[in-house]
């Protein structure tokens, strides 16, 4: 009887393995644009017809406005060298830029890059976006924190999970079509996350977008998501990448992992 029970359990597990599973979405490159290969991209947004970018590393951190077509830098602000700049988002007529381990966020006038004020926050700063009501901050863990844009105080948080397992090292963020898109540090994929529950709704597999032989170092990883809402364009890039890619997400249909044998 014990052998029969084990056999039935194995058959049940095999049946589960053969059930339908949702594959990761793939992509199609629409166009590529030049990008400063010396920019350690930490935050990227598209506004006013061009890109805004936050770059990292102590002594090299910056805030930039860039022409998408040419890659030319239109405006540039040097972040003080004691700060390692991180995520970036817009709020009204301002830009909000995180720092990594110094617990400081900078708020700039969007038109002039004039520093208006600073905020302090707990923990590390990695990625930043907003949903129209709250700022959303990643800190390298599986947690996303929602912050009051006026005070930078935390209002709630979610734990990002995929099939019940926490998704760690959430990095650069973008809010698109009611979902949070997140880079995963050192991975060539983007998670699509429910802002209500933290559940991963799907994945976008960007393997091969920039081949390894075109990356200048092991830290030249995928990081940077920007969305042009007016024209429904999605842009992605990476740290020290020579290109920014406009991509179209290609949905993958639900497919059986393995076929059942028919008797």
C-alpha atoms as a PDB file:
ATOM      1  CA  UNK A   1       0.000   0.000   0.000  1.00  0.00           C
ATOM      2  CA  UNK A   2       2.871   2.353   0.830  1.00  0.00           C
ATOM      3  CA  UNK A   3       4.420   1.744  -2.607  1.00  0.00           C
ATOM      4  CA  UNK A   4       1.062   2.367  -4.254  1.00  0.00           C
ATOM      5  CA  UNK A   5       0.647   5.644  -2.330  1.00  0.00           C
ATOM      6  CA  UNK A   6       4.129   6.773  -3.383  1.00  0.00           C
ATOM      7  CA  UNK A   7       3.361   5.894  -6.983  1.00  0.00           C
ATOM      8  CA  UNK A   8       0.140   7.880  -6.898  1.00  0.00           C
ATOM      9  CA  UNK A   9       2.001  10.856  -5.369  1.00  0.00           C
ATOM     10  CA  UNK A  10       4.654  10.742  -8.081  1.00  0.00           C
ATOM     11  CA  UNK A  11       1.977  10.585 -10.777  1.00  0.00           C
ATOM     12  CA  UNK A  12       0.209  13.571  -9.227  1.00  0.00           C
ATOM     13  CA  UNK A  13       3.432  15.573  -9.146  1.00  0.00           C
ATOM     14  CA  UNK A  14       4.156  14.650 -12.755  1.00  0.00           C
ATOM     15  CA  UNK A  15       0.697  15.826 -13.702  1.00  0.00           C
ATOM     16  CA  UNK A  16       1.363  19.174 -12.016  1.00  0.00           C
ATOM     17  CA  UNK A  17       4.655  19.541 -13.886  1.00  0.00           C
ATOM     18  CA  UNK A  18       2.833  19.023 -17.160  1.00  0.00           C
ATOM     19  CA  UNK A  19       0.198  21.649 -16.462  1.00  0.00           C
ATOM     20  CA  UNK A  20       0.086  24.876 -18.401  1.00  0.00           C
ATOM     21  CA  UNK A  21       2.470  27.633 -17.340  1.00  0.00           C
ATOM     22  CA  UNK A  22       2.771  31.263 -18.348  1.00  0.00           C
ATOM     23  CA  UNK A  23       6.030  31.906 -20.182  1.00  0.00           C
ATOM     24  CA  UNK A  24       7.888  35.208 -19.850  1.00  0.00           C
ATOM     25  CA  UNK A  25       7.087  37.838 -22.454  1.00  0.00           C
ATOM     26  CA  UNK A  26       9.807  38.523 -25.010  1.00  0.00           C
ATOM     27  CA  UNK A  27      10.619  41.694 -26.931  1.00  0.00           C
ATOM     28  CA  UNK A  28      11.166  43.246 -30.326  1.00  0.00           C
ATOM     29  CA  UNK A  29      13.595  46.128 -30.825  1.00  0.00           C
ATOM     30  CA  UNK A  30      11.863  49.044 -32.554  1.00  0.00           C
ATOM     31  CA  UNK A  31      14.844  51.394 -32.600  1.00  0.00           C
ATOM     32  CA  UNK A  32      18.121  52.045 -30.805  1.00  0.00           C
ATOM     33  CA  UNK A  33      19.481  55.428 -29.786  1.00  0.00           C
ATOM     34  CA  UNK A  34      22.956  56.564 -28.686  1.00  0.00           C
ATOM     35  CA  UNK A  35      23.688  56.640 -24.969  1.00  0.00           C
ATOM     36  CA  UNK A  36      26.715  57.822 -23.006  1.00  0.00           C
ATOM     37  CA  UNK A  37      28.665  54.627 -22.309  1.00  0.00           C
ATOM     38  CA  UNK A  38      30.223  56.330 -19.289  1.00  0.00           C
ATOM     39  CA  UNK A  39      26.833  56.876 -17.627  1.00  0.00           C
ATOM     40  CA  UNK A  40      26.261  54.530 -14.687  1.00  0.00           C
ATOM     41  CA  UNK A  41      22.489  54.582 -15.158  1.00  0.00           C
ATOM     42  CA  UNK A  42      20.492  54.469 -11.930  1.00  0.00           C
ATOM     43  CA  UNK A  43      17.263  56.221 -12.894  1.00  0.00           C
ATOM     44  CA  UNK A  44      15.596  57.015 -16.228  1.00  0.00           C
ATOM     45  CA  UNK A  45      12.368  58.800 -17.164  1.00  0.00           C
ATOM     46  CA  UNK A  46      10.885  60.326 -20.325  1.00  0.00           C
ATOM     47  CA  UNK A  47       9.212  63.746 -20.091  1.00  0.00           C
ATOM     48  CA  UNK A  48       8.797  66.906 -22.162  1.00  0.00           C
ATOM     49  CA  UNK A  49       9.993  65.120 -25.312  1.00  0.00           C
ATOM     50  CA  UNK A  50      13.359  64.011 -23.923  1.00  0.00           C
ATOM     51  CA  UNK A  51      15.013  61.836 -21.295  1.00  0.00           C
ATOM     52  CA  UNK A  52      16.033  62.620 -17.749  1.00  0.00           C
ATOM     53  CA  UNK A  53      18.701  60.399 -16.239  1.00  0.00           C
ATOM     54  CA  UNK A  54      20.303  59.903 -12.843  1.00  0.00           C
ATOM     55  CA  UNK A  55      23.810  58.417 -12.892  1.00  0.00           C
ATOM     56  CA  UNK A  56      25.684  56.909  -9.973  1.00  0.00           C
ATOM     57  CA  UNK A  57      29.135  56.328  -8.440  1.00  0.00           C
ATOM     58  CA  UNK A  58      30.749  58.631  -5.917  1.00  0.00           C
ATOM     59  CA  UNK A  59      32.395  61.545  -7.673  1.00  0.00           C
ATOM     60  CA  UNK A  60      30.590  60.761 -10.943  1.00  0.00           C
ATOM     61  CA  UNK A  61      26.939  61.044  -9.971  1.00  0.00           C
ATOM     62  CA  UNK A  62      24.800  63.426 -11.994  1.00  0.00           C
ATOM     63  CA  UNK A  63      21.364  64.546 -13.087  1.00  0.00           C
ATOM     64  CA  UNK A  64      20.939  64.995 -16.843  1.00  0.00           C
ATOM     65  CA  UNK A  65      18.409  65.965 -19.487  1.00  0.00           C
ATOM     66  CA  UNK A  66      19.179  64.313 -22.820  1.00  0.00           C
ATOM     67  CA  UNK A  67      18.021  64.416 -26.412  1.00  0.00           C
ATOM     68  CA  UNK A  68      16.741  60.945 -27.234  1.00  0.00           C
ATOM     69  CA  UNK A  69      17.611  60.979 -30.920  1.00  0.00           C
ATOM     70  CA  UNK A  70      21.214  62.133 -30.608  1.00  0.00           C
ATOM     71  CA  UNK A  71      22.136  61.308 -27.015  1.00  0.00           C
ATOM     72  CA  UNK A  72      23.269  64.925 -26.542  1.00  0.00           C
ATOM     73  CA  UNK A  73      23.225  66.231 -22.975  1.00  0.00           C
ATOM     74  CA  UNK A  74      20.918  69.247 -22.806  1.00  0.00           C
ATOM     75  CA  UNK A  75      21.296  70.018 -19.096  1.00  0.00           C
ATOM     76  CA  UNK A  76      23.726  68.655 -16.520  1.00  0.00           C
ATOM     77  CA  UNK A  77      23.987  68.859 -12.738  1.00  0.00           C
ATOM     78  CA  UNK A  78      26.928  67.459 -10.774  1.00  0.00           C
ATOM     79  CA  UNK A  79      25.813  65.698  -7.606  1.00  0.00           C
ATOM     80  CA  UNK A  80      28.252  66.386  -4.707  1.00  0.00           C
ATOM     81  CA  UNK A  81      30.912  63.688  -4.666  1.00  0.00           C
ATOM     82  CA  UNK A  82      29.986  62.330  -1.236  1.00  0.00           C
ATOM     83  CA  UNK A  83      26.710  61.073  -2.718  1.00  0.00           C
ATOM     84  CA  UNK A  84      26.092  57.999  -4.879  1.00  0.00           C
ATOM     85  CA  UNK A  85      22.983  58.971  -6.861  1.00  0.00           C
ATOM     86  CA  UNK A  86      20.286  56.392  -7.523  1.00  0.00           C
ATOM     87  CA  UNK A  87      16.642  56.360  -8.673  1.00  0.00           C
ATOM     88  CA  UNK A  88      14.813  59.271 -10.280  1.00  0.00           C
ATOM     89  CA  UNK A  89      11.209  60.290 -10.843  1.00  0.00           C
ATOM     90  CA  UNK A  90       9.152  63.392 -11.544  1.00  0.00           C
ATOM     91  CA  UNK A  91       6.574  64.975  -9.268  1.00  0.00           C
ATOM     92  CA  UNK A  92       4.676  67.980 -10.581  1.00  0.00           C
ATOM     93  CA  UNK A  93       7.260  70.471 -11.827  1.00  0.00           C
ATOM     94  CA  UNK A  94      10.052  68.828  -9.850  1.00  0.00           C
ATOM     95  CA  UNK A  95      12.474  65.923 -10.154  1.00  0.00           C
ATOM     96  CA  UNK A  96      13.197  63.692  -7.161  1.00  0.00           C
ATOM     97  CA  UNK A  97      16.563  61.900  -7.030  1.00  0.00           C
ATOM     98  CA  UNK A  98      17.595  59.274  -4.471  1.00  0.00           C
ATOM     99  CA  UNK A  99      21.011  58.540  -3.042  1.00  0.00           C
ATOM    100  CA  UNK A 100      22.193  55.063  -2.143  1.00  0.00           C
ATOM    101  CA  UNK A 101      23.424  54.805   1.461  1.00  0.00           C
ATOM    102  CA  UNK A 102      23.307  58.412   2.675  1.00  0.00           C
ATOM    103  CA  UNK A 103      19.519  58.485   3.308  1.00  0.00           C
ATOM    104  CA  UNK A 104      19.075  61.734   1.362  1.00  0.00           C
ATOM    105  CA  UNK A 105      16.774  62.556  -1.556  1.00  0.00           C
ATOM    106  CA  UNK A 106      17.132  65.720  -3.627  1.00  0.00           C
ATOM    107  CA  UNK A 107      14.210  67.681  -5.064  1.00  0.00           C
ATOM    108  CA  UNK A 108      15.019  69.874  -8.086  1.00  0.00           C
ATOM    109  CA  UNK A 109      13.137  72.336 -10.226  1.00  0.00           C
ATOM    110  CA  UNK A 110      12.604  70.343 -13.417  1.00  0.00           C
ATOM    111  CA  UNK A 111      13.270  73.235 -15.783  1.00  0.00           C
ATOM    112  CA  UNK A 112      16.440  74.600 -14.193  1.00  0.00           C
ATOM    113  CA  UNK A 113      17.823  71.708 -12.044  1.00  0.00           C
ATOM    114  CA  UNK A 114      17.937  74.201  -9.173  1.00  0.00           C
ATOM    115  CA  UNK A 115      17.976  72.305  -5.863  1.00  0.00           C
ATOM    116  CA  UNK A 116      14.785  73.166  -3.976  1.00  0.00           C
ATOM    117  CA  UNK A 117      15.089  70.983  -0.872  1.00  0.00           C
ATOM    118  CA  UNK A 118      16.235  67.654   0.504  1.00  0.00           C
ATOM    119  CA  UNK A 119      14.437  64.826   2.287  1.00  0.00           C
ATOM    120  CA  UNK A 120      15.777  62.160   4.610  1.00  0.00           C
ATOM    121  CA  UNK A 121      14.550  58.562   4.479  1.00  0.00           C
ATOM    122  CA  UNK A 122      15.387  55.283   6.196  1.00  0.00           C
ATOM    123  CA  UNK A 123      17.296  52.475   4.513  1.00  0.00           C
ATOM    124  CA  UNK A 124      18.972  52.419   1.137  1.00  0.00           C
ATOM    125  CA  UNK A 125      17.713  54.124  -2.000  1.00  0.00           C
ATOM    126  CA  UNK A 126      17.725  52.134  -5.254  1.00  0.00           C
ATOM    127  CA  UNK A 127      14.822  52.827  -7.642  1.00  0.00           C
ATOM    128  CA  UNK A 128      12.064  55.440  -7.615  1.00  0.00           C
ATOM    129  CA  UNK A 129       8.788  56.005  -9.461  1.00  0.00           C
ATOM    130  CA  UNK A 130       5.283  57.253  -8.656  1.00  0.00           C
ATOM    131  CA  UNK A 131       1.670  56.212  -9.254  1.00  0.00           C
ATOM    132  CA  UNK A 132       0.183  59.711  -9.271  1.00  0.00           C
ATOM    133  CA  UNK A 133      -0.497  59.575  -5.527  1.00  0.00           C
ATOM    134  CA  UNK A 134       2.642  58.253  -3.877  1.00  0.00           C
ATOM    135  CA  UNK A 135       6.343  57.942  -4.560  1.00  0.00           C
ATOM    136  CA  UNK A 136       7.409  54.281  -4.766  1.00  0.00           C
ATOM    137  CA  UNK A 137      10.913  53.374  -3.591  1.00  0.00           C
ATOM    138  CA  UNK A 138      12.962  50.189  -3.892  1.00  0.00           C
ATOM    139  CA  UNK A 139      15.883  49.474  -1.563  1.00  0.00           C
ATOM    140  CA  UNK A 140      17.429  46.297  -2.971  1.00  0.00           C
ATOM    141  CA  UNK A 141      15.192  43.969  -0.988  1.00  0.00           C
ATOM    142  CA  UNK A 142      11.814  42.471  -1.943  1.00  0.00           C
ATOM    143  CA  UNK A 143      10.059  45.442  -0.318  1.00  0.00           C
ATOM    144  CA  UNK A 144       8.624  48.446  -2.139  1.00  0.00           C
ATOM    145  CA  UNK A 145       7.781  51.427   0.051  1.00  0.00           C
ATOM    146  CA  UNK A 146       5.095  54.010  -0.761  1.00  0.00           C
ATOM    147  CA  UNK A 147       5.997  57.522   0.396  1.00  0.00           C
ATOM    148  CA  UNK A 148       4.080  60.768   0.810  1.00  0.00           C
ATOM    149  CA  UNK A 149       5.523  63.122  -1.862  1.00  0.00           C
ATOM    150  CA  UNK A 150       5.241  66.130   0.458  1.00  0.00           C
ATOM    151  CA  UNK A 151       6.917  64.674   3.541  1.00  0.00           C
ATOM    152  CA  UNK A 152       8.725  61.570   2.235  1.00  0.00           C
ATOM    153  CA  UNK A 153       7.150  59.628   5.106  1.00  0.00           C
ATOM    154  CA  UNK A 154       6.204  56.006   4.466  1.00  0.00           C
ATOM    155  CA  UNK A 155       2.467  55.392   4.056  1.00  0.00           C
ATOM    156  CA  UNK A 156       2.496  51.682   3.238  1.00  0.00           C
ATOM    157  CA  UNK A 157       4.665  48.911   1.816  1.00  0.00           C
ATOM    158  CA  UNK A 158       4.340  45.725  -0.211  1.00  0.00           C
ATOM    159  CA  UNK A 159       6.499  42.617  -0.474  1.00  0.00           C
ATOM    160  CA  UNK A 160       7.085  41.549  -4.062  1.00  0.00           C
ATOM    161  CA  UNK A 161       6.556  37.827  -4.543  1.00  0.00           C
ATOM    162  CA  UNK A 162       6.507  35.395  -7.443  1.00  0.00           C
ATOM    163  CA  UNK A 163       4.571  32.215  -6.655  1.00  0.00           C
ATOM    164  CA  UNK A 164       4.963  32.946  -2.954  1.00  0.00           C
ATOM    165  CA  UNK A 165       8.721  33.526  -3.066  1.00  0.00           C
ATOM    166  CA  UNK A 166      10.157  37.014  -2.428  1.00  0.00           C
ATOM    167  CA  UNK A 167      11.813  38.715  -5.404  1.00  0.00           C
ATOM    168  CA  UNK A 168      15.042  40.270  -4.155  1.00  0.00           C
ATOM    169  CA  UNK A 169      17.267  43.064  -5.472  1.00  0.00           C
ATOM    170  CA  UNK A 170      14.495  45.158  -6.989  1.00  0.00           C
ATOM    171  CA  UNK A 171      16.234  48.058  -8.676  1.00  0.00           C
ATOM    172  CA  UNK A 172      15.112  50.762 -11.143  1.00  0.00           C
ATOM    173  CA  UNK A 173      11.327  51.291 -11.299  1.00  0.00           C
ATOM    174  CA  UNK A 174       8.716  52.675 -13.703  1.00  0.00           C
ATOM    175  CA  UNK A 175       4.922  52.880 -13.319  1.00  0.00           C
ATOM    176  CA  UNK A 176       3.241  51.764 -16.577  1.00  0.00           C
ATOM    177  CA  UNK A 177      -0.434  50.986 -17.256  1.00  0.00           C
ATOM    178  CA  UNK A 178      -1.189  50.652 -13.546  1.00  0.00           C
ATOM    179  CA  UNK A 179       1.709  48.267 -12.903  1.00  0.00           C
ATOM    180  CA  UNK A 180       5.171  48.680 -11.413  1.00  0.00           C
ATOM    181  CA  UNK A 181       7.936  47.602 -13.764  1.00  0.00           C
ATOM    182  CA  UNK A 182      11.172  46.710 -11.937  1.00  0.00           C
ATOM    183  CA  UNK A 183      14.677  45.815 -13.006  1.00  0.00           C
ATOM    184  CA  UNK A 184      16.268  42.991 -11.021  1.00  0.00           C
ATOM    185  CA  UNK A 185      19.921  43.746 -10.321  1.00  0.00           C
ATOM    186  CA  UNK A 186      22.268  41.567 -12.400  1.00  0.00           C
ATOM    187  CA  UNK A 187      19.376  39.948 -14.304  1.00  0.00           C
ATOM    188  CA  UNK A 188      18.240  40.532 -17.902  1.00  0.00           C
ATOM    189  CA  UNK A 189      14.561  40.635 -17.054  1.00  0.00           C
ATOM    190  CA  UNK A 190      11.911  43.022 -15.816  1.00  0.00           C
ATOM    191  CA  UNK A 191       9.207  42.143 -13.291  1.00  0.00           C
ATOM    192  CA  UNK A 192       5.664  43.468 -13.736  1.00  0.00           C
ATOM    193  CA  UNK A 193       4.244  43.960 -10.262  1.00  0.00           C
ATOM    194  CA  UNK A 194       0.770  44.607  -8.854  1.00  0.00           C
ATOM    195  CA  UNK A 195       0.971  47.784  -6.733  1.00  0.00           C
ATOM    196  CA  UNK A 196      -1.929  46.522  -4.615  1.00  0.00           C
ATOM    197  CA  UNK A 197      -0.618  43.088  -3.648  1.00  0.00           C
ATOM    198  CA  UNK A 198       3.059  42.938  -4.620  1.00  0.00           C
ATOM    199  CA  UNK A 199       2.372  39.851  -6.718  1.00  0.00           C
ATOM    200  CA  UNK A 200       4.442  39.488  -9.891  1.00  0.00           C
ATOM    201  CA  UNK A 201       1.954  39.655 -12.747  1.00  0.00           C
ATOM    202  CA  UNK A 202       4.489  38.675 -15.387  1.00  0.00           C
ATOM    203  CA  UNK A 203       8.081  38.872 -16.578  1.00  0.00           C
ATOM    204  CA  UNK A 204       9.738  40.444 -19.613  1.00  0.00           C
ATOM    205  CA  UNK A 205      12.807  38.485 -20.721  1.00  0.00           C
ATOM    206  CA  UNK A 206      15.380  40.859 -22.252  1.00  0.00           C
ATOM    207  CA  UNK A 207      18.164  38.318 -22.727  1.00  0.00           C
ATOM    208  CA  UNK A 208      20.394  39.210 -25.679  1.00  0.00           C
ATOM    209  CA  UNK A 209      19.339  42.852 -25.836  1.00  0.00           C
ATOM    210  CA  UNK A 210      22.949  43.971 -25.398  1.00  0.00           C
ATOM    211  CA  UNK A 211      25.317  41.010 -25.895  1.00  0.00           C
ATOM    212  CA  UNK A 212      27.976  40.313 -23.269  1.00  0.00           C
ATOM    213  CA  UNK A 213      30.784  41.191 -25.693  1.00  0.00           C
ATOM    214  CA  UNK A 214      29.384  44.741 -25.926  1.00  0.00           C
ATOM    215  CA  UNK A 215      29.356  45.273 -22.153  1.00  0.00           C
ATOM    216  CA  UNK A 216      32.385  47.008 -20.681  1.00  0.00           C
ATOM    217  CA  UNK A 217      32.301  45.294 -17.281  1.00  0.00           C
ATOM    218  CA  UNK A 218      30.395  42.858 -15.110  1.00  0.00           C
ATOM    219  CA  UNK A 219      28.538  45.862 -13.646  1.00  0.00           C
ATOM    220  CA  UNK A 220      27.272  46.967 -17.066  1.00  0.00           C
ATOM    221  CA  UNK A 221      23.910  45.417 -16.264  1.00  0.00           C
ATOM    222  CA  UNK A 222      20.385  46.070 -17.452  1.00  0.00           C
ATOM    223  CA  UNK A 223      19.042  49.052 -15.482  1.00  0.00           C
ATOM    224  CA  UNK A 224      16.812  51.823 -16.744  1.00  0.00           C
ATOM    225  CA  UNK A 225      13.145  51.844 -17.774  1.00  0.00           C
ATOM    226  CA  UNK A 226      11.389  54.887 -19.219  1.00  0.00           C
ATOM    227  CA  UNK A 227       7.906  55.202 -20.699  1.00  0.00           C
ATOM    228  CA  UNK A 228       6.575  57.761 -23.169  1.00  0.00           C
ATOM    229  CA  UNK A 229       2.885  57.759 -22.250  1.00  0.00           C
ATOM    230  CA  UNK A 230       1.879  60.110 -25.071  1.00  0.00           C
ATOM    231  CA  UNK A 231       3.144  57.762 -27.775  1.00  0.00           C
ATOM    232  CA  UNK A 232       3.106  54.431 -25.894  1.00  0.00           C
ATOM    233  CA  UNK A 233       6.853  53.899 -26.233  1.00  0.00           C
ATOM    234  CA  UNK A 234       8.958  51.831 -23.844  1.00  0.00           C
ATOM    235  CA  UNK A 235      12.691  52.512 -23.491  1.00  0.00           C
ATOM    236  CA  UNK A 236      15.267  50.398 -21.673  1.00  0.00           C
ATOM    237  CA  UNK A 237      19.007  50.662 -21.151  1.00  0.00           C
ATOM    238  CA  UNK A 238      21.734  49.618 -18.732  1.00  0.00           C
ATOM    239  CA  UNK A 239      24.638  50.893 -16.684  1.00  0.00           C
ATOM    240  CA  UNK A 240      27.503  51.902 -18.997  1.00  0.00           C
ATOM    241  CA  UNK A 241      25.511  50.833 -22.068  1.00  0.00           C
ATOM    242  CA  UNK A 242      26.250  52.589 -25.380  1.00  0.00           C
ATOM    243  CA  UNK A 243      22.602  52.378 -26.468  1.00  0.00           C
ATOM    244  CA  UNK A 244      19.066  53.009 -25.329  1.00  0.00           C
ATOM    245  CA  UNK A 245      16.548  50.629 -26.876  1.00  0.00           C
ATOM    246  CA  UNK A 246      12.947  51.316 -27.751  1.00  0.00           C
ATOM    247  CA  UNK A 247      11.214  47.954 -27.485  1.00  0.00           C
ATOM    248  CA  UNK A 248       7.807  46.405 -27.978  1.00  0.00           C
ATOM    249  CA  UNK A 249       6.856  43.694 -25.531  1.00  0.00           C
ATOM    250  CA  UNK A 250       5.835  40.500 -27.324  1.00  0.00           C
ATOM    251  CA  UNK A 251       3.371  38.559 -25.154  1.00  0.00           C
ATOM    252  CA  UNK A 252       3.910  34.837 -24.843  1.00  0.00           C
ATOM    253  CA  UNK A 253       0.824  32.633 -24.905  1.00  0.00           C
ATOM    254  CA  UNK A 254       0.153  30.100 -22.184  1.00  0.00           C
ATOM    255  CA  UNK A 255       1.780  26.896 -23.380  1.00  0.00           C
ATOM    256  CA  UNK A 256       1.937  23.383 -21.895  1.00  0.00           C
ATOM    257  CA  UNK A 257       5.268  22.614 -20.287  1.00  0.00           C
ATOM    258  CA  UNK A 258       5.043  19.030 -21.518  1.00  0.00           C
ATOM    259  CA  UNK A 259       2.492  17.074 -23.487  1.00  0.00           C
ATOM    260  CA  UNK A 260       0.361  14.389 -21.891  1.00  0.00           C
ATOM    261  CA  UNK A 261       0.607  10.923 -23.416  1.00  0.00           C
ATOM    262  CA  UNK A 262      -2.695   9.872 -24.893  1.00  0.00           C
ATOM    263  CA  UNK A 263      -3.653   6.201 -24.435  1.00  0.00           C
END
